[in-house]
N, C-alpha and C. Protein backbone atom coordinates (compact mmCIF):
# COMPACT_ATOMS: atom_id res chain seq x y z
N UNK A 1 0.91 -130.30 -174.29
CA UNK A 1 1.34 -129.18 -174.47
C UNK A 1 0.38 -128.39 -175.73
N UNK A 2 -0.44 -129.42 -176.14
CA UNK A 2 -1.48 -128.49 -177.05
C UNK A 2 -2.70 -128.05 -176.24
N UNK A 3 -2.95 -128.83 -174.97
CA UNK A 3 -4.06 -128.43 -174.31
C UNK A 3 -3.62 -127.39 -173.52
N UNK A 4 -2.43 -127.20 -173.10
CA UNK A 4 -1.94 -125.87 -172.51
C UNK A 4 -1.90 -124.69 -173.44
N UNK A 5 -1.86 -124.93 -174.47
CA UNK A 5 -1.99 -123.74 -175.24
C UNK A 5 -3.12 -123.46 -175.51
N UNK A 6 -4.11 -124.30 -176.01
CA UNK A 6 -5.51 -124.21 -176.10
C UNK A 6 -6.06 -123.35 -174.76
N UNK A 7 -5.94 -123.82 -173.22
CA UNK A 7 -6.32 -123.31 -172.31
C UNK A 7 -5.72 -121.70 -172.20
N UNK A 8 -4.64 -121.56 -172.71
CA UNK A 8 -3.63 -120.11 -172.75
C UNK A 8 -4.61 -119.37 -173.66
N UNK A 9 -5.00 -119.93 -174.93
CA UNK A 9 -5.66 -119.17 -175.84
C UNK A 9 -6.92 -118.54 -175.28
N UNK A 10 -7.84 -119.77 -174.94
CA UNK A 10 -8.94 -119.19 -174.20
C UNK A 10 -8.98 -118.76 -173.19
N UNK A 11 -8.01 -118.78 -172.22
CA UNK A 11 -8.05 -117.83 -170.78
C UNK A 11 -7.62 -116.18 -171.28
N UNK A 12 -6.74 -115.94 -172.39
CA UNK A 12 -6.35 -114.90 -173.12
C UNK A 12 -8.09 -114.18 -173.79
N UNK A 13 -8.88 -115.06 -174.84
CA UNK A 13 -9.89 -114.43 -175.31
C UNK A 13 -10.63 -113.89 -174.40
N UNK A 14 -10.73 -114.71 -172.77
CA UNK A 14 -11.63 -114.23 -171.76
C UNK A 14 -11.24 -113.27 -171.43
N UNK A 15 -10.16 -112.92 -171.18
CA UNK A 15 -9.51 -111.70 -170.40
C UNK A 15 -9.76 -110.66 -171.53
N UNK A 16 -9.39 -110.58 -172.55
CA UNK A 16 -9.71 -109.54 -173.57
C UNK A 16 -11.16 -109.08 -173.80
N UNK A 17 -12.00 -110.02 -173.80
CA UNK A 17 -13.39 -109.95 -173.69
C UNK A 17 -14.17 -109.45 -172.53
N UNK A 18 -13.01 -109.40 -171.28
CA UNK A 18 -13.76 -109.03 -170.08
C UNK A 18 -13.65 -107.44 -170.13
N UNK A 19 -12.59 -107.15 -171.12
CA UNK A 19 -11.94 -105.78 -170.87
C UNK A 19 -12.38 -104.74 -172.01
N UNK A 20 -13.31 -105.23 -172.69
CA UNK A 20 -13.60 -104.81 -173.78
C UNK A 20 -14.88 -103.59 -173.51
N UNK A 21 -14.71 -102.46 -173.64
CA UNK A 21 -15.31 -101.16 -173.35
C UNK A 21 -16.60 -101.02 -174.11
N UNK A 22 -17.70 -100.26 -173.77
CA UNK A 22 -18.78 -99.84 -174.64
C UNK A 22 -18.19 -98.86 -175.67
N UNK A 23 -18.40 -99.00 -176.84
CA UNK A 23 -18.31 -98.14 -178.17
C UNK A 23 -18.98 -96.57 -177.43
N UNK A 24 -18.14 -95.76 -177.62
CA UNK A 24 -18.60 -94.13 -177.35
C UNK A 24 -19.19 -93.47 -178.30
N UNK A 25 -20.56 -93.07 -178.03
CA UNK A 25 -20.78 -92.30 -179.01
C UNK A 25 -20.79 -90.64 -179.20
N UNK A 26 -21.25 -90.21 -180.15
CA UNK A 26 -20.78 -88.47 -180.00
C UNK A 26 -21.53 -87.88 -178.76
N UNK A 27 -21.27 -86.57 -178.59
CA UNK A 27 -21.77 -85.83 -177.74
C UNK A 27 -23.27 -85.71 -177.85
N UNK A 28 -23.98 -85.88 -178.82
CA UNK A 28 -25.35 -85.33 -178.66
C UNK A 28 -26.23 -86.65 -179.07
N UNK A 29 -25.51 -87.67 -179.67
CA UNK A 29 -26.12 -89.04 -179.86
C UNK A 29 -27.25 -89.68 -178.74
N UNK A 30 -28.34 -90.06 -178.95
CA UNK A 30 -29.20 -90.65 -177.71
C UNK A 30 -29.53 -89.52 -176.60
N UNK A 31 -29.38 -88.33 -177.08
CA UNK A 31 -29.32 -87.44 -175.64
C UNK A 31 -30.52 -86.43 -176.02
N UNK A 32 -31.32 -86.01 -175.14
CA UNK A 32 -32.30 -85.21 -175.36
C UNK A 32 -31.66 -83.51 -175.41
N UNK A 33 -31.70 -82.93 -176.27
CA UNK A 33 -31.49 -81.33 -176.45
C UNK A 33 -32.56 -80.31 -176.56
N UNK A 34 -32.66 -79.32 -175.81
CA UNK A 34 -33.66 -78.03 -175.64
C UNK A 34 -33.44 -77.16 -176.96
N UNK A 35 -34.13 -76.94 -178.11
CA UNK A 35 -33.85 -75.93 -179.00
C UNK A 35 -34.86 -74.57 -178.13
N UNK A 36 -33.97 -73.24 -178.31
CA UNK A 36 -35.09 -72.19 -178.21
C UNK A 36 -34.79 -70.90 -178.81
N UNK A 37 -35.41 -70.40 -179.92
CA UNK A 37 -35.14 -69.32 -180.50
C UNK A 37 -35.35 -67.80 -179.83
N UNK A 38 -34.60 -67.03 -179.71
CA UNK A 38 -34.72 -65.61 -179.26
C UNK A 38 -34.71 -64.33 -180.26
N UNK A 39 -35.70 -63.47 -179.68
CA UNK A 39 -35.69 -62.40 -180.80
C UNK A 39 -36.71 -61.49 -180.03
N UNK A 40 -36.31 -60.22 -179.85
CA UNK A 40 -35.08 -59.44 -180.28
C UNK A 40 -33.74 -59.84 -179.07
N UNK A 41 -34.22 -60.30 -177.85
CA UNK A 41 -33.15 -60.45 -176.94
C UNK A 41 -33.10 -61.84 -176.32
N UNK A 42 -32.20 -62.08 -175.39
CA UNK A 42 -32.39 -63.39 -174.87
C UNK A 42 -33.18 -63.73 -173.75
N UNK A 43 -34.03 -62.85 -173.32
CA UNK A 43 -35.37 -62.97 -172.28
C UNK A 43 -36.98 -62.85 -173.18
N UNK A 44 -36.71 -62.75 -174.41
CA UNK A 44 -37.62 -62.79 -175.38
C UNK A 44 -37.79 -64.32 -176.44
N UNK A 45 -38.39 -65.33 -175.89
CA UNK A 45 -38.47 -66.50 -176.55
C UNK A 45 -39.22 -66.11 -178.04
N UNK A 46 -38.77 -66.59 -179.16
CA UNK A 46 -39.59 -66.15 -180.21
C UNK A 46 -40.37 -67.38 -180.91
N UNK A 47 -41.79 -67.30 -181.17
CA UNK A 47 -42.79 -68.33 -181.07
C UNK A 47 -43.02 -69.18 -182.46
N UNK A 48 -42.55 -68.36 -183.23
CA UNK A 48 -42.56 -68.98 -184.81
C UNK A 48 -41.12 -69.68 -185.35
N UNK A 49 -41.07 -70.46 -184.21
CA UNK A 49 -39.94 -71.53 -184.56
C UNK A 49 -39.97 -72.66 -183.99
N UNK A 50 -39.24 -73.70 -184.06
CA UNK A 50 -39.07 -75.27 -183.74
C UNK A 50 -38.92 -75.52 -182.38
N UNK A 51 -39.02 -74.26 -181.41
CA UNK A 51 -38.87 -74.43 -180.07
C UNK A 51 -39.47 -75.44 -179.21
N UNK A 52 -38.71 -76.52 -178.63
CA UNK A 52 -38.98 -77.70 -177.87
C UNK A 52 -37.63 -78.63 -177.67
N UNK A 53 -38.04 -79.72 -177.13
CA UNK A 53 -37.33 -81.03 -176.72
C UNK A 53 -36.95 -81.65 -177.62
N UNK A 54 -35.68 -82.00 -178.08
CA UNK A 54 -35.49 -83.30 -179.49
C UNK A 54 -34.65 -83.97 -178.88
N UNK A 55 -35.12 -85.33 -178.93
CA UNK A 55 -33.98 -86.55 -178.74
C UNK A 55 -33.12 -86.71 -180.21
N UNK A 56 -32.05 -86.67 -179.96
CA UNK A 56 -30.86 -86.83 -180.97
C UNK A 56 -30.69 -88.21 -181.46
N UNK A 57 -30.96 -88.36 -182.91
CA UNK A 57 -30.91 -89.79 -183.60
C UNK A 57 -30.60 -89.79 -184.77
N UNK A 58 -30.86 -90.62 -185.72
CA UNK A 58 -30.70 -90.62 -187.31
C UNK A 58 -31.74 -89.44 -187.71
N UNK A 59 -31.14 -88.69 -188.86
CA UNK A 59 -32.22 -87.62 -189.45
C UNK A 59 -32.22 -86.43 -188.72
N UNK A 60 -32.76 -85.53 -189.49
CA UNK A 60 -33.19 -83.89 -188.71
C UNK A 60 -33.92 -84.02 -187.69
N UNK A 61 -33.23 -83.56 -186.83
CA UNK A 61 -34.33 -83.50 -185.43
C UNK A 61 -35.14 -81.89 -185.71
N UNK A 62 -34.32 -80.83 -185.96
CA UNK A 62 -35.32 -79.79 -185.72
C UNK A 62 -35.63 -79.16 -187.33
N UNK A 63 -36.94 -79.35 -187.58
CA UNK A 63 -37.64 -79.04 -188.75
C UNK A 63 -37.86 -77.43 -189.42
N UNK A 64 -37.78 -76.48 -188.26
CA UNK A 64 -37.93 -75.14 -188.47
C UNK A 64 -37.14 -74.20 -187.68
N UNK A 65 -36.26 -73.83 -188.00
CA UNK A 65 -35.03 -72.83 -187.29
C UNK A 65 -35.64 -71.79 -186.58
N UNK A 66 -36.26 -71.14 -187.70
CA UNK A 66 -37.05 -69.92 -187.52
C UNK A 66 -37.88 -69.35 -188.61
N UNK A 67 -39.29 -69.00 -188.38
CA UNK A 67 -39.98 -68.78 -189.86
C UNK A 67 -39.69 -69.68 -190.63
N UNK A 68 -39.40 -71.04 -190.75
CA UNK A 68 -39.30 -71.80 -191.89
C UNK A 68 -38.40 -71.67 -192.51
N UNK A 69 -36.86 -71.13 -192.12
CA UNK A 69 -35.86 -70.79 -192.84
C UNK A 69 -35.09 -72.13 -193.18
N UNK A 70 -35.09 -73.04 -192.29
CA UNK A 70 -34.40 -74.27 -192.84
C UNK A 70 -34.34 -75.22 -191.57
N UNK A 71 -33.29 -75.84 -191.11
CA UNK A 71 -33.33 -77.57 -190.47
C UNK A 71 -32.05 -77.38 -189.73
N UNK A 72 -32.03 -78.33 -188.55
CA UNK A 72 -30.87 -78.48 -187.47
C UNK A 72 -30.75 -79.98 -187.56
N UNK A 73 -29.40 -80.32 -188.13
CA UNK A 73 -29.45 -81.67 -187.96
C UNK A 73 -28.05 -82.06 -187.04
N UNK A 74 -28.20 -82.92 -185.83
CA UNK A 74 -27.35 -83.17 -184.97
C UNK A 74 -26.60 -84.85 -185.43
N UNK A 75 -25.34 -84.46 -185.25
CA UNK A 75 -24.51 -86.08 -185.67
C UNK A 75 -23.21 -86.15 -184.97
N UNK A 76 -23.31 -86.73 -184.04
CA UNK A 76 -21.84 -86.93 -183.26
C UNK A 76 -21.53 -85.57 -182.33
N UNK A 77 -20.62 -85.11 -182.44
CA UNK A 77 -20.18 -83.96 -181.92
C UNK A 77 -20.20 -82.71 -183.04
N UNK A 78 -20.94 -82.65 -183.80
CA UNK A 78 -21.46 -81.68 -184.61
C UNK A 78 -23.32 -81.20 -184.84
N UNK A 79 -23.41 -80.31 -185.24
CA UNK A 79 -24.75 -79.77 -185.49
C UNK A 79 -24.64 -79.08 -186.80
N UNK A 80 -25.48 -79.02 -187.63
CA UNK A 80 -25.83 -78.61 -189.06
C UNK A 80 -26.88 -77.52 -189.16
N UNK A 81 -26.72 -76.36 -189.56
CA UNK A 81 -28.16 -75.54 -189.79
C UNK A 81 -28.15 -75.55 -191.06
N UNK A 82 -29.28 -75.56 -191.61
CA UNK A 82 -28.99 -75.67 -193.20
C UNK A 82 -30.42 -74.66 -193.59
N UNK A 83 -30.11 -73.88 -194.23
CA UNK A 83 -30.88 -72.71 -194.46
C UNK A 83 -31.61 -73.02 -196.20
N UNK A 84 -32.98 -73.02 -196.06
CA UNK A 84 -33.40 -73.14 -197.72
C UNK A 84 -33.74 -72.14 -198.37
N UNK A 85 -33.55 -71.02 -197.93
CA UNK A 85 -33.79 -69.66 -198.98
C UNK A 85 -32.73 -68.44 -198.35
N UNK A 86 -33.16 -67.41 -198.65
CA UNK A 86 -31.96 -66.33 -198.35
C UNK A 86 -33.02 -65.10 -197.72
N UNK A 87 -32.40 -64.34 -197.28
CA UNK A 87 -32.85 -63.11 -196.65
C UNK A 87 -31.85 -62.38 -195.52
N UNK A 88 -32.37 -61.59 -194.76
CA UNK A 88 -31.74 -60.70 -193.60
C UNK A 88 -32.35 -60.62 -192.33
N UNK A 89 -31.31 -61.22 -191.07
CA UNK A 89 -31.57 -60.95 -190.12
C UNK A 89 -31.77 -59.88 -189.44
N UNK A 90 -32.84 -59.53 -188.77
CA UNK A 90 -33.08 -57.97 -188.01
C UNK A 90 -31.86 -57.66 -186.83
N UNK A 91 -31.24 -56.67 -187.12
CA UNK A 91 -30.12 -56.10 -186.26
C UNK A 91 -30.70 -55.71 -184.70
N UNK A 92 -30.91 -56.81 -183.99
CA UNK A 92 -31.47 -56.53 -182.58
C UNK A 92 -30.33 -57.34 -181.78
N UNK A 93 -30.71 -56.99 -180.23
CA UNK A 93 -29.43 -57.46 -179.36
C UNK A 93 -29.24 -58.92 -179.37
N UNK A 94 -30.14 -59.80 -180.01
CA UNK A 94 -30.27 -60.95 -180.08
C UNK A 94 -31.22 -61.71 -180.75
N UNK A 95 -30.72 -62.36 -181.96
CA UNK A 95 -31.68 -62.72 -182.80
C UNK A 95 -30.91 -63.94 -183.09
N UNK A 96 -31.16 -65.39 -182.51
CA UNK A 96 -30.58 -66.26 -182.42
C UNK A 96 -31.06 -67.36 -181.85
N UNK A 97 -30.45 -68.49 -181.59
CA UNK A 97 -30.75 -69.63 -180.90
C UNK A 97 -29.99 -70.14 -179.62
N UNK A 98 -30.55 -70.78 -178.63
CA UNK A 98 -29.81 -71.36 -177.79
C UNK A 98 -30.13 -73.07 -177.82
N UNK A 99 -29.31 -73.92 -177.90
CA UNK A 99 -29.03 -75.41 -177.48
C UNK A 99 -28.63 -75.74 -176.15
N UNK A 100 -29.62 -76.25 -175.33
CA UNK A 100 -29.39 -76.62 -173.77
C UNK A 100 -29.55 -77.93 -173.58
N UNK A 101 -28.71 -78.30 -172.74
CA UNK A 101 -28.93 -79.81 -172.18
C UNK A 101 -29.63 -79.60 -170.74
N UNK A 102 -30.87 -79.54 -170.75
CA UNK A 102 -31.47 -79.23 -169.53
C UNK A 102 -31.77 -80.12 -168.65
N UNK A 103 -31.36 -81.33 -169.08
CA UNK A 103 -31.13 -82.45 -167.89
C UNK A 103 -30.11 -82.82 -167.28
N UNK A 104 -28.95 -82.21 -168.10
CA UNK A 104 -27.51 -82.51 -167.59
C UNK A 104 -27.23 -83.95 -167.91
N UNK A 105 -27.54 -84.26 -168.65
CA UNK A 105 -27.18 -85.84 -169.10
C UNK A 105 -25.73 -85.73 -170.01
N UNK A 106 -25.65 -84.37 -170.85
CA UNK A 106 -24.78 -84.51 -171.82
C UNK A 106 -23.26 -83.79 -170.84
N UNK A 107 -21.98 -84.78 -170.90
CA UNK A 107 -20.96 -83.97 -170.31
C UNK A 107 -20.74 -82.49 -170.84
N UNK A 108 -20.16 -81.78 -169.63
CA UNK A 108 -20.27 -80.38 -169.95
C UNK A 108 -19.51 -80.11 -171.07
N UNK A 109 -19.88 -78.99 -171.81
CA UNK A 109 -19.51 -78.35 -173.10
C UNK A 109 -17.86 -77.82 -172.79
N UNK A 110 -16.84 -78.26 -173.88
CA UNK A 110 -15.47 -77.57 -173.40
C UNK A 110 -15.34 -76.30 -174.65
N UNK A 111 -15.90 -76.82 -175.75
CA UNK A 111 -15.48 -75.89 -176.71
C UNK A 111 -16.70 -75.87 -177.58
N UNK A 112 -16.84 -74.75 -178.50
CA UNK A 112 -17.91 -74.43 -179.34
C UNK A 112 -17.39 -73.61 -180.54
N UNK A 113 -17.32 -74.37 -181.75
CA UNK A 113 -16.46 -73.55 -183.01
C UNK A 113 -17.33 -73.73 -184.08
N UNK A 114 -17.34 -72.78 -185.13
CA UNK A 114 -17.93 -72.68 -186.34
C UNK A 114 -16.91 -73.27 -187.40
N UNK A 115 -17.03 -74.78 -187.96
CA UNK A 115 -16.14 -75.08 -188.79
C UNK A 115 -16.40 -75.13 -190.36
N UNK A 116 -17.28 -74.59 -190.77
CA UNK A 116 -18.03 -74.25 -192.17
C UNK A 116 -19.28 -73.84 -192.15
N UNK A 117 -19.02 -72.54 -193.02
CA UNK A 117 -20.11 -71.54 -193.28
C UNK A 117 -20.52 -70.99 -194.76
N UNK A 118 -21.46 -71.65 -195.20
CA UNK A 118 -21.85 -71.29 -196.44
C UNK A 118 -23.20 -70.94 -196.72
N UNK A 119 -24.00 -70.69 -195.40
CA UNK A 119 -25.13 -69.94 -195.48
C UNK A 119 -25.50 -68.54 -194.77
N UNK A 120 -24.35 -68.01 -194.08
CA UNK A 120 -24.45 -66.75 -193.56
C UNK A 120 -23.08 -65.76 -193.89
N UNK A 121 -23.46 -64.49 -194.49
CA UNK A 121 -22.28 -63.52 -194.85
C UNK A 121 -21.78 -63.02 -193.47
N UNK A 122 -20.68 -63.57 -193.16
CA UNK A 122 -20.08 -62.98 -191.83
C UNK A 122 -19.76 -64.28 -190.95
N UNK A 123 -19.51 -64.00 -189.85
CA UNK A 123 -19.36 -65.00 -188.79
C UNK A 123 -19.99 -64.59 -187.72
N UNK A 124 -21.25 -65.50 -187.67
CA UNK A 124 -22.32 -65.39 -186.31
C UNK A 124 -21.43 -64.98 -184.81
N UNK A 125 -22.05 -64.58 -184.05
CA UNK A 125 -21.59 -64.55 -182.63
C UNK A 125 -21.96 -65.78 -181.75
N UNK A 126 -20.95 -66.56 -181.37
CA UNK A 126 -21.14 -67.74 -180.72
C UNK A 126 -20.62 -67.61 -179.33
N UNK A 127 -21.20 -68.42 -178.54
CA UNK A 127 -20.80 -68.30 -177.11
C UNK A 127 -21.39 -69.91 -176.52
N UNK A 128 -20.60 -70.24 -175.25
CA UNK A 128 -21.23 -71.12 -174.71
C UNK A 128 -20.67 -71.32 -173.23
N UNK A 129 -21.49 -72.00 -172.67
CA UNK A 129 -21.10 -72.44 -171.19
C UNK A 129 -21.44 -73.88 -171.11
N UNK A 130 -21.11 -74.37 -169.59
CA UNK A 130 -21.22 -76.01 -169.45
C UNK A 130 -22.30 -76.34 -170.08
N UNK A 131 -24.03 -76.08 -170.07
CA UNK A 131 -24.72 -76.48 -170.46
C UNK A 131 -25.60 -75.76 -171.84
N UNK A 132 -25.16 -74.80 -172.23
CA UNK A 132 -25.39 -74.21 -173.29
C UNK A 132 -24.66 -73.85 -174.20
N UNK A 133 -25.26 -73.58 -175.70
CA UNK A 133 -24.44 -73.33 -176.55
C UNK A 133 -25.43 -71.80 -177.35
N UNK A 134 -24.60 -70.89 -177.49
CA UNK A 134 -25.63 -69.77 -178.00
C UNK A 134 -25.29 -69.08 -179.59
N UNK A 135 -25.94 -68.96 -180.35
CA UNK A 135 -25.57 -68.63 -181.79
C UNK A 135 -26.44 -67.51 -182.41
N UNK A 136 -25.75 -66.23 -182.25
CA UNK A 136 -26.37 -65.22 -182.46
C UNK A 136 -26.01 -64.55 -183.84
N UNK A 137 -27.03 -64.34 -184.68
CA UNK A 137 -26.70 -64.07 -185.99
C UNK A 137 -27.39 -62.68 -186.53
N UNK A 138 -27.58 -61.66 -185.39
CA UNK A 138 -28.25 -60.52 -185.82
C UNK A 138 -27.59 -59.67 -186.85
N UNK A 139 -28.70 -59.33 -187.65
CA UNK A 139 -28.04 -58.19 -188.57
C UNK A 139 -27.48 -58.80 -189.98
N UNK A 140 -27.08 -60.15 -189.96
CA UNK A 140 -26.46 -60.89 -191.33
C UNK A 140 -27.15 -61.03 -192.13
N UNK A 141 -26.96 -61.23 -193.16
CA UNK A 141 -27.60 -61.85 -194.60
C UNK A 141 -27.28 -63.38 -194.48
N UNK A 142 -28.37 -63.90 -195.07
CA UNK A 142 -28.39 -65.64 -195.14
C UNK A 142 -28.78 -65.86 -196.47
N UNK A 143 -28.03 -66.79 -196.94
CA UNK A 143 -28.37 -67.27 -198.28
C UNK A 143 -28.76 -69.25 -198.09
N UNK A 144 -29.33 -69.72 -199.17
CA UNK A 144 -29.15 -70.97 -198.93
C UNK A 144 -27.89 -71.85 -198.91
N UNK A 145 -27.87 -72.46 -197.78
CA UNK A 145 -26.64 -73.07 -197.57
C UNK A 145 -26.39 -73.61 -196.02
N UNK A 146 -25.15 -73.92 -195.59
CA UNK A 146 -24.88 -74.67 -194.11
C UNK A 146 -24.07 -74.03 -193.54
N UNK A 147 -24.48 -74.13 -192.00
CA UNK A 147 -23.06 -73.58 -191.25
C UNK A 147 -23.15 -74.87 -190.13
N UNK A 148 -22.04 -75.51 -190.25
CA UNK A 148 -21.53 -76.57 -189.55
C UNK A 148 -20.90 -76.24 -188.52
N UNK A 149 -21.58 -76.42 -187.09
CA UNK A 149 -20.93 -76.20 -185.88
C UNK A 149 -20.41 -77.73 -184.97
N UNK A 150 -19.10 -77.49 -184.40
CA UNK A 150 -18.62 -78.70 -183.78
C UNK A 150 -18.30 -77.89 -182.15
N UNK A 151 -18.86 -78.87 -181.51
CA UNK A 151 -18.80 -79.26 -179.64
C UNK A 151 -17.94 -80.17 -179.28
N UNK A 152 -17.22 -79.74 -178.36
CA UNK A 152 -16.56 -80.81 -177.63
C UNK A 152 -17.14 -80.84 -176.00
N UNK A 153 -17.00 -81.71 -175.29
CA UNK A 153 -17.15 -81.88 -173.90
C UNK A 153 -16.18 -82.43 -173.24
N UNK A 154 -16.67 -82.73 -172.13
CA UNK A 154 -15.23 -83.05 -170.95
C UNK A 154 -14.54 -84.19 -171.52
N UNK A 155 -15.49 -85.28 -171.91
CA UNK A 155 -14.92 -86.62 -172.67
C UNK A 155 -15.76 -86.87 -173.93
N UNK A 156 -15.11 -86.29 -175.08
CA UNK A 156 -15.99 -86.53 -176.22
C UNK A 156 -15.67 -87.78 -177.23
N UNK A 157 -14.59 -88.50 -176.70
CA UNK A 157 -14.53 -89.64 -177.39
C UNK A 157 -13.54 -90.71 -176.68
N UNK A 158 -13.46 -92.19 -177.14
CA UNK A 158 -13.00 -92.87 -176.42
C UNK A 158 -11.44 -92.65 -176.47
N UNK A 159 -10.86 -91.69 -177.60
CA UNK A 159 -9.40 -91.53 -177.63
C UNK A 159 -9.02 -90.25 -176.97
N UNK A 160 -9.86 -89.84 -176.23
CA UNK A 160 -9.26 -88.59 -175.59
C UNK A 160 -8.64 -88.98 -174.29
N UNK A 161 -7.84 -88.19 -173.95
CA UNK A 161 -6.38 -88.96 -172.86
C UNK A 161 -7.34 -88.27 -171.66
N UNK A 162 -7.06 -89.22 -170.55
CA UNK A 162 -7.71 -88.86 -169.33
C UNK A 162 -6.63 -88.24 -168.49
N UNK A 163 -7.24 -86.72 -168.15
CA UNK A 163 -6.28 -85.91 -167.39
C UNK A 163 -6.49 -86.02 -165.93
N UNK A 164 -7.68 -86.91 -165.53
CA UNK A 164 -7.79 -86.46 -164.02
C UNK A 164 -8.24 -87.92 -163.50
N UNK A 165 -7.12 -88.46 -162.39
CA UNK A 165 -7.63 -89.99 -161.87
C UNK A 165 -8.33 -89.85 -160.85
N UNK A 166 -9.42 -90.62 -160.49
CA UNK A 166 -10.08 -90.53 -159.29
C UNK A 166 -9.45 -91.30 -158.07
N UNK A 167 -9.63 -91.25 -157.25
CA UNK A 167 -8.89 -91.55 -155.83
C UNK A 167 -10.00 -92.49 -155.12
N UNK A 168 -10.76 -92.97 -155.75
CA UNK A 168 -11.93 -93.67 -155.09
C UNK A 168 -11.76 -95.44 -155.22
N UNK A 169 -11.92 -96.09 -154.30
CA UNK A 169 -12.01 -97.20 -154.44
C UNK A 169 -13.26 -97.81 -154.56
N UNK A 170 -13.37 -98.99 -155.51
CA UNK A 170 -14.92 -99.35 -155.49
C UNK A 170 -15.39 -100.16 -154.21
N UNK A 171 -16.39 -100.11 -153.44
CA UNK A 171 -16.71 -100.91 -152.55
C UNK A 171 -16.85 -102.52 -152.92
N UNK A 172 -17.46 -102.84 -154.08
CA UNK A 172 -18.11 -103.79 -154.45
C UNK A 172 -17.09 -104.36 -155.68
N UNK A 173 -16.61 -105.39 -155.76
CA UNK A 173 -15.72 -105.77 -156.86
C UNK A 173 -16.13 -105.49 -158.19
N UNK A 174 -15.59 -105.33 -159.19
CA UNK A 174 -16.09 -105.11 -160.63
C UNK A 174 -15.89 -106.53 -161.23
N UNK A 175 -16.98 -106.77 -162.28
CA UNK A 175 -16.73 -108.07 -163.01
C UNK A 175 -15.91 -108.05 -163.60
N UNK A 176 -15.03 -107.44 -164.04
CA UNK A 176 -13.64 -107.85 -164.70
C UNK A 176 -12.68 -108.68 -163.48
N UNK A 177 -12.91 -108.15 -162.16
CA UNK A 177 -11.84 -109.11 -161.04
C UNK A 177 -12.68 -110.07 -161.26
N UNK A 178 -13.73 -110.39 -161.31
CA UNK A 178 -14.23 -112.00 -161.21
C UNK A 178 -14.04 -112.82 -162.41
N UNK A 179 -13.61 -112.06 -163.52
CA UNK A 179 -13.27 -112.82 -164.80
C UNK A 179 -11.94 -113.17 -164.74
N UNK A 180 -11.08 -112.29 -164.00
CA UNK A 180 -9.68 -112.54 -163.95
C UNK A 180 -9.33 -113.83 -162.89
N UNK A 181 -10.07 -113.57 -161.60
CA UNK A 181 -10.06 -114.63 -160.43
C UNK A 181 -10.47 -116.05 -161.18
N UNK A 182 -11.46 -116.13 -162.04
CA UNK A 182 -11.96 -117.29 -162.90
C UNK A 182 -10.65 -117.82 -163.71
N UNK A 183 -10.27 -117.08 -164.22
CA UNK A 183 -9.01 -117.69 -165.10
C UNK A 183 -8.05 -118.01 -164.10
N UNK A 184 -7.63 -117.21 -163.64
CA UNK A 184 -6.55 -117.60 -162.58
C UNK A 184 -6.84 -119.00 -161.85
N UNK A 185 -7.82 -119.34 -161.14
CA UNK A 185 -8.30 -120.48 -160.61
C UNK A 185 -8.19 -121.70 -161.66
N UNK A 186 -8.35 -121.27 -163.01
CA UNK A 186 -8.70 -122.01 -163.83
C UNK A 186 -7.34 -122.78 -164.20
N UNK A 187 -6.17 -121.95 -164.25
CA UNK A 187 -4.76 -122.08 -164.73
C UNK A 187 -4.33 -122.79 -163.13
N UNK A 188 -4.87 -122.41 -162.33
CA UNK A 188 -3.86 -123.04 -161.09
C UNK A 188 -4.77 -124.51 -161.04
N UNK A 189 -6.04 -124.82 -161.05
CA UNK A 189 -6.22 -126.34 -161.02
C UNK A 189 -6.09 -127.04 -162.40
N UNK A 190 -5.67 -126.43 -163.40
CA UNK A 190 -5.18 -127.10 -164.51
C UNK A 190 -3.33 -127.45 -164.29
N UNK A 191 -3.06 -126.69 -163.54
CA UNK A 191 -1.47 -126.89 -163.36
C UNK A 191 -1.56 -128.30 -161.98
N UNK A 192 -2.51 -128.27 -160.93
CA UNK A 192 -2.68 -129.30 -160.14
C UNK A 192 -3.14 -130.26 -160.83
N UNK A 193 -3.90 -130.29 -161.46
CA UNK A 193 -4.36 -131.72 -162.34
C UNK A 193 -3.25 -132.12 -163.01
N UNK A 194 -2.43 -131.36 -163.71
CA UNK A 194 -1.73 -132.28 -164.93
C UNK A 194 -0.37 -132.62 -163.70
N UNK A 195 0.00 -132.23 -162.75
CA UNK A 195 0.81 -132.41 -161.95
C UNK A 195 0.49 -133.95 -161.08
N UNK A 196 -0.68 -134.22 -161.07
CA UNK A 196 -1.19 -135.63 -160.46
C UNK A 196 -1.43 -136.66 -161.61
N UNK A 197 -1.52 -136.17 -162.94
CA UNK A 197 -1.55 -137.22 -164.12
C UNK A 197 0.07 -137.72 -164.42
């Protein structure tokens, strides 16, 4: 009886081990984002900014928001704009930046919100589409402080409920199928061997 319980415990552990998924990181973690500052409109890139592609990891990704005003740090599903001093943004059609997923490796964005503002007087105009995040702070005063933005995507965490089930059948058996098959065959051979003894 003890051997049977051991076999059941090992089988259960193997089954659980075969079904454990990979931990899901935040939306930006490990992905490359493109940062581009625009002034005085969206068709005029502004050269005095840290424009370019950035791989999101630990630490501050963008060290020059515009004209040496501050930094941007991506973390999980958020990014923080930190101003190092104060001033006023020019009141033009667009005076801000765009974060882009140029390679389409990030799941499409579904929401974009400002969750904390200690750096700009007023609320900047923010908008988004599936691959771009727009922040326009034209005409606002800014001080030393932070703006924290939150972004959601189609599936942003392992706890997000799945609302769409795909109707496809895998043509090749998954590794989980083989693990369950081996556990089942092991139990059958154990039962047959036990009856012979």
